[in-house]
Amino acid sequence: MKFSLCSLLFALLFVGNVYAGSASTSDTNPVTRDTSTVQTAQVQPDKINVNTASVSELASLKGVGSVKAQAIKQYQQSHGDFSSLADLEKVNGIGASVIEQNKDRIEF
């Protein structure tokens, strides 16, 4: 009888803790909640004016690192401000693929 009573108490405590733990973590802990239906907003990158942007801002464009960004600034200093994507494509290292990847972010 003593063994059965101890076993019953242990089982109740164990099941109670498991049940209480799973209920509390799924209801109140935001880390473990099901977030499959939560929609997140996608942040659009800011537009970059290639005529006024710094080298580091230009380097944030896709496919444009610090070397190509510096080439853009040097071309602008030698030839004046850009007025179109075609002008920008004249910069050594800036091809059609770079323009295509960034056309929605570039402004003049």
Protein backbone atom coordinates (compact mmCIF):
# COMPACT_ATOMS: atom_id res chain seq x y z
CA MET A 1 0.00 0.00 0.00
CA LYS A 2 2.82 2.37 0.88
CA PHE A 3 4.54 1.67 -2.46
CA SER A 4 1.33 2.26 -4.41
CA LEU A 5 0.58 5.53 -2.64
CA CYS A 6 4.13 6.82 -3.30
CA SER A 7 3.93 5.76 -6.92
CA LEU A 8 0.58 7.48 -7.33
CA LEU A 9 1.85 10.73 -5.77
CA PHE A 10 4.96 10.67 -7.93
CA ALA A 11 2.90 10.08 -11.06
CA LEU A 12 0.52 12.92 -10.22
CA LEU A 13 3.39 15.32 -9.52
CA PHE A 14 5.23 14.34 -12.67
CA VAL A 15 2.17 14.57 -14.93
CA GLY A 16 1.06 17.80 -13.25
CA ASN A 17 4.45 19.44 -13.79
CA VAL A 18 4.66 18.33 -17.40
CA TYR A 19 1.14 19.55 -18.11
CA ALA A 20 1.62 22.84 -16.27
CA GLY A 21 4.99 23.41 -17.90
CA SER A 22 3.74 22.84 -21.42
CA ALA A 23 0.67 25.00 -20.90
CA SER A 24 2.59 27.89 -19.40
CA THR A 25 5.37 27.93 -21.96
CA SER A 26 3.11 27.77 -24.98
CA ASP A 27 0.69 30.40 -23.67
CA THR A 28 2.95 32.97 -22.05
CA ASN A 29 6.45 32.53 -23.40
CA PRO A 30 6.71 34.45 -26.69
CA VAL A 31 9.84 32.56 -27.70
CA THR A 32 8.10 29.19 -27.85
CA ARG A 33 4.77 30.31 -29.29
CA ASP A 34 3.83 29.17 -32.76
CA THR A 35 4.68 32.09 -35.02
CA SER A 36 3.90 30.43 -38.33
CA THR A 37 1.00 32.81 -38.93
CA VAL A 38 2.85 35.97 -37.93
CA GLN A 39 3.64 38.13 -40.92
CA THR A 40 6.68 40.36 -40.84
CA ALA A 41 7.05 43.55 -42.77
CA GLN A 42 9.90 43.66 -45.21
CA VAL A 43 11.90 46.82 -44.90
CA GLN A 44 12.78 48.43 -48.19
CA PRO A 45 16.26 49.92 -48.31
CA ASP A 46 16.49 53.68 -48.70
CA LYS A 47 16.99 55.23 -52.09
CA ILE A 48 20.46 56.50 -52.81
CA ASN A 49 21.15 59.64 -54.78
CA VAL A 50 24.33 58.69 -56.62
CA ASN A 51 25.29 62.34 -57.05
CA THR A 52 25.25 63.17 -53.33
CA ALA A 53 25.95 59.79 -51.70
CA SER A 54 29.16 59.06 -49.86
CA VAL A 55 31.46 56.22 -50.88
CA SER A 56 30.13 54.10 -47.99
CA GLU A 57 26.52 54.75 -49.04
CA LEU A 58 27.33 53.79 -52.63
CA ALA A 59 29.07 50.64 -51.37
CA SER A 60 25.76 49.53 -49.81
CA LEU A 61 24.31 48.95 -53.27
CA LYS A 62 24.18 45.32 -54.41
CA GLY A 63 27.29 44.36 -56.33
CA VAL A 64 29.06 47.60 -55.44
CA GLY A 65 31.87 47.35 -52.96
CA SER A 66 34.23 50.07 -51.81
CA VAL A 67 36.37 49.88 -54.98
CA LYS A 68 33.42 50.34 -57.35
CA ALA A 69 31.93 53.01 -55.08
CA GLN A 70 35.21 54.95 -55.25
CA ALA A 71 35.19 54.54 -59.06
CA ILE A 72 31.68 56.05 -59.17
CA LYS A 73 32.82 59.08 -57.17
CA GLN A 74 35.94 59.53 -59.31
CA TYR A 75 33.91 59.31 -62.52
CA GLN A 76 31.48 61.87 -61.15
CA GLN A 77 34.31 64.26 -60.25
CA SER A 78 35.78 63.96 -63.75
CA HIS A 79 32.55 63.99 -65.80
CA GLY A 80 29.98 65.75 -63.64
CA ASP A 81 26.74 64.54 -62.06
CA PHE A 82 24.91 61.50 -63.34
CA SER A 83 21.51 62.09 -64.91
CA SER A 84 20.51 58.55 -65.91
CA LEU A 85 21.24 54.89 -65.35
CA ALA A 86 22.99 54.89 -68.74
CA ASP A 87 25.42 57.52 -67.40
CA LEU A 88 26.14 55.37 -64.37
CA GLU A 89 26.79 52.36 -66.57
CA LYS A 90 29.73 54.26 -68.15
CA VAL A 91 31.68 53.81 -64.90
CA ASN A 92 34.32 51.09 -65.17
CA GLY A 93 33.03 48.02 -63.28
CA ILE A 94 29.38 49.10 -63.24
CA GLY A 95 27.59 46.92 -65.75
CA ALA A 96 24.02 46.14 -66.67
CA SER A 97 23.66 43.55 -63.91
CA VAL A 98 24.62 46.02 -61.17
CA ILE A 99 22.22 48.59 -62.63
CA GLU A 100 19.42 46.00 -62.81
CA GLN A 101 19.93 44.89 -59.20
CA ASN A 102 19.77 48.47 -57.92
CA LYS A 103 17.52 50.35 -60.33
CA ASP A 104 14.78 50.74 -57.69
CA ARG A 105 17.20 52.27 -55.15
CA ILE A 106 19.13 54.64 -57.40
CA GLU A 107 18.02 58.22 -57.87
CA PHE A 108 19.62 61.30 -59.39
